[in-house]
Amino acid sequence: MDQFWIVSKTDDATRGLTKGNKTQTTIAGPFEDYCEAINAKRHYTSYGSHHWHTVVASKKRPPDTKEEFEFIDADREFDFDIV
């Protein structure tokens, strides 16, 4: 049976950075049900669009991860045709 965990996530790409990190850190849990986890999550503050908290259902603790990224051709990777 799944348990519920509060996970802190960050993504520097959502701030428009072309080089940065994407992280996931489990900060609370396990909780027996979703409502209990949602109530506990209310005590954590998110910071803009690049740092937020979410509830994850999993049989075991979600792993803490950190990934680095770099958009090498950023000026061309996000090229949109404007009409």
PDB file of N, CA and C in Angstrom:
ATOM      1  N   MET A   1       0.848  -1.188   0.000  1.00  0.00           N
ATOM      2  CA  MET A   1       0.000   0.000   0.000  1.00  0.00           C
ATOM      3  C   MET A   1       0.888   1.244   0.000  1.00  0.00           C
ATOM      4  N   ASP A   2       0.513   2.233  -0.804  1.00  0.00           N
ATOM      5  CA  ASP A   2       1.299   3.456  -0.876  1.00  0.00           C
ATOM      6  C   ASP A   2       1.180   4.278   0.396  1.00  0.00           C
ATOM      7  N   GLN A   3       2.277   4.950   0.701  1.00  0.00           N
ATOM      8  CA  GLN A   3       2.300   5.959   1.741  1.00  0.00           C
ATOM      9  C   GLN A   3       2.475   7.298   1.034  1.00  0.00           C
ATOM     10  N   PHE A   4       2.333   8.381   1.771  1.00  0.00           N
ATOM     11  CA  PHE A   4       2.406   9.698   1.161  1.00  0.00           C
ATOM     12  C   PHE A   4       3.533  10.508   1.787  1.00  0.00           C
ATOM     13  N   TRP A   5       4.262  11.225   0.936  1.00  0.00           N
ATOM     14  CA  TRP A   5       5.450  11.965   1.327  1.00  0.00           C
ATOM     15  C   TRP A   5       5.358  13.392   0.812  1.00  0.00           C
ATOM     16  N   ILE A   6       5.912  14.335   1.570  1.00  0.00           N
ATOM     17  CA  ILE A   6       6.011  15.710   1.096  1.00  0.00           C
ATOM     18  C   ILE A   6       7.400  15.867   0.492  1.00  0.00           C
ATOM     19  N   VAL A   7       7.424  16.303  -0.759  1.00  0.00           N
ATOM     20  CA  VAL A   7       8.678  16.432  -1.496  1.00  0.00           C
ATOM     21  C   VAL A   7       8.860  17.888  -1.919  1.00  0.00           C
ATOM     22  N   SER A   8      10.048  18.419  -1.651  1.00  0.00           N
ATOM     23  CA  SER A   8      10.427  19.765  -2.078  1.00  0.00           C
ATOM     24  C   SER A   8      11.121  19.645  -3.429  1.00  0.00           C
ATOM     25  N   LYS A   9      10.694  20.461  -4.394  1.00  0.00           N
ATOM     26  CA  LYS A   9      11.285  20.391  -5.732  1.00  0.00           C
ATOM     27  C   LYS A   9      11.754  21.783  -6.160  1.00  0.00           C
ATOM     28  N   THR A  10      12.853  21.813  -6.909  1.00  0.00           N
ATOM     29  CA  THR A  10      13.324  23.053  -7.521  1.00  0.00           C
ATOM     30  C   THR A  10      13.676  22.770  -8.974  1.00  0.00           C
ATOM     31  N   ASP A  11      13.554  23.805  -9.798  1.00  0.00           N
ATOM     32  CA  ASP A  11      13.920  23.683 -11.206  1.00  0.00           C
ATOM     33  C   ASP A  11      14.341  25.062 -11.702  1.00  0.00           C
ATOM     34  N   ASP A  12      15.649  25.247 -11.876  1.00  0.00           N
ATOM     35  CA  ASP A  12      16.168  26.543 -12.305  1.00  0.00           C
ATOM     36  C   ASP A  12      15.728  26.909 -13.717  1.00  0.00           C
ATOM     37  N   ALA A  13      15.362  25.935 -14.531  1.00  0.00           N
ATOM     38  CA  ALA A  13      14.907  26.229 -15.895  1.00  0.00           C
ATOM     39  C   ALA A  13      13.617  27.039 -15.882  1.00  0.00           C
ATOM     40  N   THR A  14      12.780  26.866 -14.864  1.00  0.00           N
ATOM     41  CA  THR A  14      11.529  27.617 -14.799  1.00  0.00           C
ATOM     42  C   THR A  14      11.777  29.096 -14.530  1.00  0.00           C
ATOM     43  N   ARG A  15      12.999  29.441 -14.103  1.00  0.00           N
ATOM     44  CA  ARG A  15      13.370  30.852 -13.915  1.00  0.00           C
ATOM     45  C   ARG A  15      14.016  31.416 -15.166  1.00  0.00           C
ATOM     46  N   GLY A  16      14.113  30.608 -16.218  1.00  0.00           N
ATOM     47  CA  GLY A  16      14.693  31.076 -17.462  1.00  0.00           C
ATOM     48  C   GLY A  16      16.199  30.912 -17.539  1.00  0.00           C
ATOM     49  N   LEU A  17      16.786  30.183 -16.594  1.00  0.00           N
ATOM     50  CA  LEU A  17      18.232  29.990 -16.611  1.00  0.00           C
ATOM     51  C   LEU A  17      18.624  28.960 -17.668  1.00  0.00           C
ATOM     52  N   THR A  18      19.732  29.166 -18.308  1.00  0.00           N
ATOM     53  CA  THR A  18      20.206  28.218 -19.320  1.00  0.00           C
ATOM     54  C   THR A  18      21.171  27.198 -18.732  1.00  0.00           C
ATOM     55  N   LYS A  19      21.547  27.379 -17.467  1.00  0.00           N
ATOM     56  CA  LYS A  19      22.414  26.434 -16.765  1.00  0.00           C
ATOM     57  C   LYS A  19      21.982  26.431 -15.306  1.00  0.00           C
ATOM     58  N   GLY A  20      21.807  25.242 -14.734  1.00  0.00           N
ATOM     59  CA  GLY A  20      21.367  25.197 -13.347  1.00  0.00           C
ATOM     60  C   GLY A  20      21.105  23.786 -12.871  1.00  0.00           C
ATOM     61  N   ASN A  21      20.233  23.692 -11.880  1.00  0.00           N
ATOM     62  CA  ASN A  21      19.940  22.418 -11.236  1.00  0.00           C
ATOM     63  C   ASN A  21      18.449  22.154 -11.178  1.00  0.00           C
ATOM     64  N   LYS A  22      18.139  20.864 -11.093  1.00  0.00           N
ATOM     65  CA  LYS A  22      16.782  20.389 -10.845  1.00  0.00           C
ATOM     66  C   LYS A  22      16.911  19.423  -9.675  1.00  0.00           C
ATOM     67  N   THR A  23      16.209  19.695  -8.560  1.00  0.00           N
ATOM     68  CA  THR A  23      16.370  18.872  -7.366  1.00  0.00           C
ATOM     69  C   THR A  23      15.033  18.359  -6.845  1.00  0.00           C
ATOM     70  N   GLN A  24      15.139  17.293  -6.074  1.00  0.00           N
ATOM     71  CA  GLN A  24      13.993  16.715  -5.372  1.00  0.00           C
ATOM     72  C   GLN A  24      14.493  16.248  -4.017  1.00  0.00           C
ATOM     73  N   THR A  25      13.835  16.708  -2.938  1.00  0.00           N
ATOM     74  CA  THR A  25      14.228  16.330  -1.582  1.00  0.00           C
ATOM     75  C   THR A  25      12.981  15.960  -0.784  1.00  0.00           C
ATOM     76  N   THR A  26      12.957  14.769  -0.220  1.00  0.00           N
ATOM     77  CA  THR A  26      11.834  14.369   0.631  1.00  0.00           C
ATOM     78  C   THR A  26      12.017  15.037   1.984  1.00  0.00           C
ATOM     79  N   ILE A  27      11.007  15.815   2.406  1.00  0.00           N
ATOM     80  CA  ILE A  27      11.149  16.599   3.632  1.00  0.00           C
ATOM     81  C   ILE A  27      10.218  16.149   4.757  1.00  0.00           C
ATOM     82  N   ALA A  28       9.205  15.332   4.455  1.00  0.00           N
ATOM     83  CA  ALA A  28       8.307  14.855   5.516  1.00  0.00           C
ATOM     84  C   ALA A  28       7.595  13.585   5.065  1.00  0.00           C
ATOM     85  N   GLY A  29       7.205  12.807   6.047  1.00  0.00           N
ATOM     86  CA  GLY A  29       6.479  11.571   5.763  1.00  0.00           C
ATOM     87  C   GLY A  29       7.168  10.403   6.429  1.00  0.00           C
ATOM     88  N   PRO A  30       6.592   9.259   6.358  1.00  0.00           N
ATOM     89  CA  PRO A  30       5.394   8.927   5.586  1.00  0.00           C
ATOM     90  C   PRO A  30       4.102   9.292   6.328  1.00  0.00           C
ATOM     91  N   PHE A  31       3.072   9.556   5.537  1.00  0.00           N
ATOM     92  CA  PHE A  31       1.729   9.786   6.044  1.00  0.00           C
ATOM     93  C   PHE A  31       0.864   8.639   5.544  1.00  0.00           C
ATOM     94  N   GLU A  32      -0.106   8.259   6.349  1.00  0.00           N
ATOM     95  CA  GLU A  32      -0.959   7.119   6.007  1.00  0.00           C
ATOM     96  C   GLU A  32      -1.974   7.437   4.928  1.00  0.00           C
ATOM     97  N   ASP A  33      -2.460   8.687   4.871  1.00  0.00           N
ATOM     98  CA  ASP A  33      -3.424   9.016   3.824  1.00  0.00           C
ATOM     99  C   ASP A  33      -3.118  10.383   3.221  1.00  0.00           C
ATOM    100  N   TYR A  34      -3.696  10.606   2.053  1.00  0.00           N
ATOM    101  CA  TYR A  34      -3.432  11.812   1.261  1.00  0.00           C
ATOM    102  C   TYR A  34      -3.844  13.081   2.003  1.00  0.00           C
ATOM    103  N   CYS A  35      -5.003  13.063   2.645  1.00  0.00           N
ATOM    104  CA  CYS A  35      -5.497  14.249   3.362  1.00  0.00           C
ATOM    105  C   CYS A  35      -4.544  14.661   4.477  1.00  0.00           C
ATOM    106  N   GLU A  36      -4.004  13.699   5.179  1.00  0.00           N
ATOM    107  CA  GLU A  36      -3.031  13.985   6.247  1.00  0.00           C
ATOM    108  C   GLU A  36      -1.788  14.660   5.656  1.00  0.00           C
ATOM    109  N   ALA A  37      -1.321  14.171   4.520  1.00  0.00           N
ATOM    110  CA  ALA A  37      -0.147  14.758   3.860  1.00  0.00           C
ATOM    111  C   ALA A  37      -0.438  16.169   3.372  1.00  0.00           C
ATOM    112  N   ILE A  38      -1.613  16.387   2.784  1.00  0.00           N
ATOM    113  CA  ILE A  38      -1.988  17.724   2.300  1.00  0.00           C
ATOM    114  C   ILE A  38      -2.050  18.713   3.456  1.00  0.00           C
ATOM    115  N   ASN A  39      -2.618  18.308   4.572  1.00  0.00           N
ATOM    116  CA  ASN A  39      -2.675  19.190   5.744  1.00  0.00           C
ATOM    117  C   ASN A  39      -1.285  19.532   6.254  1.00  0.00           C
ATOM    118  N   ALA A  40      -0.378  18.573   6.259  1.00  0.00           N
ATOM    119  CA  ALA A  40       0.999  18.823   6.708  1.00  0.00           C
ATOM    120  C   ALA A  40       1.746  19.716   5.712  1.00  0.00           C
ATOM    121  N   LYS A  41       1.451  19.564   4.434  1.00  0.00           N
ATOM    122  CA  LYS A  41       2.130  20.352   3.390  1.00  0.00           C
ATOM    123  C   LYS A  41       1.845  21.845   3.531  1.00  0.00           C
ATOM    124  N   ARG A  42       0.724  22.195   4.089  1.00  0.00           N
ATOM    125  CA  ARG A  42       0.348  23.606   4.253  1.00  0.00           C
ATOM    126  C   ARG A  42       1.338  24.381   5.114  1.00  0.00           C
ATOM    127  N   HIS A  43       2.147  23.680   5.899  1.00  0.00           N
ATOM    128  CA  HIS A  43       3.116  24.340   6.785  1.00  0.00           C
ATOM    129  C   HIS A  43       4.420  24.693   6.073  1.00  0.00           C
ATOM    130  N   TYR A  44       4.571  24.289   4.836  1.00  0.00           N
ATOM    131  CA  TYR A  44       5.792  24.556   4.077  1.00  0.00           C
ATOM    132  C   TYR A  44       5.526  25.661   3.057  1.00  0.00           C
ATOM    133  N   THR A  45       6.487  26.552   2.903  1.00  0.00           N
ATOM    134  CA  THR A  45       6.344  27.689   2.001  1.00  0.00           C
ATOM    135  C   THR A  45       7.069  27.436   0.691  1.00  0.00           C
ATOM    136  N   SER A  46       6.384  27.680  -0.413  1.00  0.00           N
ATOM    137  CA  SER A  46       7.005  27.598  -1.731  1.00  0.00           C
ATOM    138  C   SER A  46       7.545  28.976  -2.090  1.00  0.00           C
ATOM    139  N   TYR A  47       8.570  28.996  -2.931  1.00  0.00           N
ATOM    140  CA  TYR A  47       9.211  30.247  -3.316  1.00  0.00           C
ATOM    141  C   TYR A  47       9.133  30.420  -4.825  1.00  0.00           C
ATOM    142  N   GLY A  48       8.094  31.084  -5.299  1.00  0.00           N
ATOM    143  CA  GLY A  48       7.963  31.349  -6.726  1.00  0.00           C
ATOM    144  C   GLY A  48       7.749  30.088  -7.536  1.00  0.00           C
ATOM    145  N   SER A  49       8.050  30.222  -8.815  1.00  0.00           N
ATOM    146  CA  SER A  49       7.802  29.099  -9.724  1.00  0.00           C
ATOM    147  C   SER A  49       8.934  28.094  -9.751  1.00  0.00           C
ATOM    148  N   HIS A  50      10.067  28.407  -9.131  1.00  0.00           N
ATOM    149  CA  HIS A  50      11.213  27.502  -9.205  1.00  0.00           C
ATOM    150  C   HIS A  50      11.368  26.610  -7.974  1.00  0.00           C
ATOM    151  N   HIS A  51      10.595  26.835  -6.911  1.00  0.00           N
ATOM    152  CA  HIS A  51      10.690  26.027  -5.687  1.00  0.00           C
ATOM    153  C   HIS A  51       9.291  25.780  -5.148  1.00  0.00           C
ATOM    154  N   TRP A  52       8.882  24.520  -5.113  1.00  0.00           N
ATOM    155  CA  TRP A  52       7.544  24.191  -4.665  1.00  0.00           C
ATOM    156  C   TRP A  52       7.548  22.865  -3.922  1.00  0.00           C
ATOM    157  N   HIS A  53       6.418  22.559  -3.287  1.00  0.00           N
ATOM    158  CA  HIS A  53       6.241  21.312  -2.538  1.00  0.00           C
ATOM    159  C   HIS A  53       5.065  20.548  -3.133  1.00  0.00           C
ATOM    160  N   THR A  54       5.198  19.245  -3.113  1.00  0.00           N
ATOM    161  CA  THR A  54       4.138  18.398  -3.646  1.00  0.00           C
ATOM    162  C   THR A  54       4.007  17.143  -2.791  1.00  0.00           C
ATOM    163  N   VAL A  55       2.905  16.447  -2.932  1.00  0.00           N
ATOM    164  CA  VAL A  55       2.695  15.175  -2.235  1.00  0.00           C
ATOM    165  C   VAL A  55       2.908  14.050  -3.234  1.00  0.00           C
ATOM    166  N   VAL A  56       3.727  13.082  -2.845  1.00  0.00           N
ATOM    167  CA  VAL A  56       4.057  11.944  -3.704  1.00  0.00           C
ATOM    168  C   VAL A  56       3.578  10.651  -3.027  1.00  0.00           C
ATOM    169  N   ALA A  57       2.901   9.804  -3.791  1.00  0.00           N
ATOM    170  CA  ALA A  57       2.479   8.496  -3.291  1.00  0.00           C
ATOM    171  C   ALA A  57       3.532   7.470  -3.696  1.00  0.00           C
ATOM    172  N   SER A  58       4.024   6.713  -2.711  1.00  0.00           N
ATOM    173  CA  SER A  58       5.069   5.727  -2.985  1.00  0.00           C
ATOM    174  C   SER A  58       5.107   4.699  -1.870  1.00  0.00           C
ATOM    175  N   LYS A  59       5.496   3.490  -2.221  1.00  0.00           N
ATOM    176  CA  LYS A  59       5.633   2.445  -1.204  1.00  0.00           C
ATOM    177  C   LYS A  59       6.853   2.682  -0.316  1.00  0.00           C
ATOM    178  N   LYS A  60       7.867   3.382  -0.851  1.00  0.00           N
ATOM    179  CA  LYS A  60       9.053   3.697  -0.056  1.00  0.00           C
ATOM    180  C   LYS A  60       9.428   5.162  -0.253  1.00  0.00           C
ATOM    181  N   ARG A  61      10.297   5.656   0.599  1.00  0.00           N
ATOM    182  CA  ARG A  61      10.707   7.059   0.570  1.00  0.00           C
ATOM    183  C   ARG A  61      11.267   7.432  -0.808  1.00  0.00           C
ATOM    184  N   PRO A  62      10.725   8.499  -1.430  1.00  0.00           N
ATOM    185  CA  PRO A  62      11.272   8.932  -2.724  1.00  0.00           C
ATOM    186  C   PRO A  62      12.737   9.363  -2.555  1.00  0.00           C
ATOM    187  N   PRO A  63      13.586   9.038  -3.512  1.00  0.00           N
ATOM    188  CA  PRO A  63      15.010   9.373  -3.373  1.00  0.00           C
ATOM    189  C   PRO A  63      15.251  10.874  -3.535  1.00  0.00           C
ATOM    190  N   ASP A  64      16.252  11.374  -2.834  1.00  0.00           N
ATOM    191  CA  ASP A  64      16.698  12.747  -3.037  1.00  0.00           C
ATOM    192  C   ASP A  64      17.562  12.755  -4.290  1.00  0.00           C
ATOM    193  N   THR A  65      17.304  13.691  -5.185  1.00  0.00           N
ATOM    194  CA  THR A  65      18.043  13.742  -6.440  1.00  0.00           C
ATOM    195  C   THR A  65      18.495  15.164  -6.738  1.00  0.00           C
ATOM    196  N   LYS A  66      19.560  15.262  -7.524  1.00  0.00           N
ATOM    197  CA  LYS A  66      20.032  16.555  -8.019  1.00  0.00           C
ATOM    198  C   LYS A  66      20.601  16.323  -9.415  1.00  0.00           C
ATOM    199  N   GLU A  67      20.023  17.016 -10.380  1.00  0.00           N
ATOM    200  CA  GLU A  67      20.477  16.913 -11.763  1.00  0.00           C
ATOM    201  C   GLU A  67      20.933  18.294 -12.228  1.00  0.00           C
ATOM    202  N   GLU A  68      22.078  18.336 -12.898  1.00  0.00           N
ATOM    203  CA  GLU A  68      22.534  19.583 -13.499  1.00  0.00           C
ATOM    204  C   GLU A  68      22.097  19.601 -14.955  1.00  0.00           C
ATOM    205  N   PHE A  69      21.812  20.796 -15.474  1.00  0.00           N
ATOM    206  CA  PHE A  69      21.459  20.913 -16.885  1.00  0.00           C
ATOM    207  C   PHE A  69      22.151  22.137 -17.463  1.00  0.00           C
ATOM    208  N   GLU A  70      22.297  22.107 -18.766  1.00  0.00           N
ATOM    209  CA  GLU A  70      22.794  23.265 -19.494  1.00  0.00           C
ATOM    210  C   GLU A  70      22.238  23.212 -20.905  1.00  0.00           C
ATOM    211  N   PHE A  71      21.607  24.289 -21.313  1.00  0.00           N
ATOM    212  CA  PHE A  71      21.132  24.418 -22.678  1.00  0.00           C
ATOM    213  C   PHE A  71      22.266  25.064 -23.463  1.00  0.00           C
ATOM    214  N   ILE A  72      23.005  24.266 -24.201  1.00  0.00           N
ATOM    215  CA  ILE A  72      24.200  24.742 -24.894  1.00  0.00           C
ATOM    216  C   ILE A  72      23.841  25.730 -26.004  1.00  0.00           C
ATOM    217  N   ASP A  73      22.812  25.424 -26.764  1.00  0.00           N
ATOM    218  CA  ASP A  73      22.371  26.314 -27.839  1.00  0.00           C
ATOM    219  C   ASP A  73      21.061  26.984 -27.444  1.00  0.00           C
ATOM    220  N   ALA A  74      21.067  27.638 -26.297  1.00  0.00           N
ATOM    221  CA  ALA A  74      19.836  28.208 -25.757  1.00  0.00           C
ATOM    222  C   ALA A  74      19.185  29.200 -26.703  1.00  0.00           C
ATOM    223  N   ASP A  75      19.983  29.927 -27.454  1.00  0.00           N
ATOM    224  CA  ASP A  75      19.397  30.903 -28.371  1.00  0.00           C
ATOM    225  C   ASP A  75      18.650  30.238 -29.523  1.00  0.00           C
ATOM    226  N   ARG A  76      18.929  28.959 -29.790  1.00  0.00           N
ATOM    227  CA  ARG A  76      18.233  28.241 -30.857  1.00  0.00           C
ATOM    228  C   ARG A  76      17.279  27.168 -30.321  1.00  0.00           C
ATOM    229  N   GLU A  77      17.516  26.677 -29.106  1.00  0.00           N
ATOM    230  CA  GLU A  77      16.659  25.624 -28.567  1.00  0.00           C
ATOM    231  C   GLU A  77      15.238  26.088 -28.340  1.00  0.00           C
ATOM    232  N   PHE A  78      15.057  27.367 -28.083  1.00  0.00           N
ATOM    233  CA  PHE A  78      13.729  27.894 -27.787  1.00  0.00           C
ATOM    234  C   PHE A  78      13.302  28.898 -28.856  1.00  0.00           C
ATOM    235  N   ASP A  79      13.654  28.606 -30.078  1.00  0.00           N
ATOM    236  CA  ASP A  79      13.321  29.499 -31.194  1.00  0.00           C
ATOM    237  C   ASP A  79      11.872  29.250 -31.605  1.00  0.00           C
ATOM    238  N   PHE A  80      11.082  30.291 -31.569  1.00  0.00           N
ATOM    239  CA  PHE A  80       9.682  30.179 -31.949  1.00  0.00           C
ATOM    240  C   PHE A  80       9.452  31.054 -33.174  1.00  0.00           C
ATOM    241  N   ASP A  81       8.676  30.550 -34.087  1.00  0.00           N
ATOM    242  CA  ASP A  81       8.275  31.358 -35.239  1.00  0.00           C
ATOM    243  C   ASP A  81       7.150  32.276 -34.791  1.00  0.00           C
ATOM    244  N   ILE A  82       7.379  33.549 -34.904  1.00  0.00           N
ATOM    245  CA  ILE A  82       6.363  34.533 -34.527  1.00  0.00           C
ATOM    246  C   ILE A  82       5.687  35.010 -35.796  1.00  0.00           C
ATOM    247  N   VAL A  83       4.394  34.869 -35.806  1.00  0.00           N
ATOM    248  CA  VAL A  83       3.619  35.249 -36.994  1.00  0.00           C
ATOM    249  C   VAL A  83       2.987  36.587 -36.769  1.00  0.00           C
TER     250      VAL A  83
END
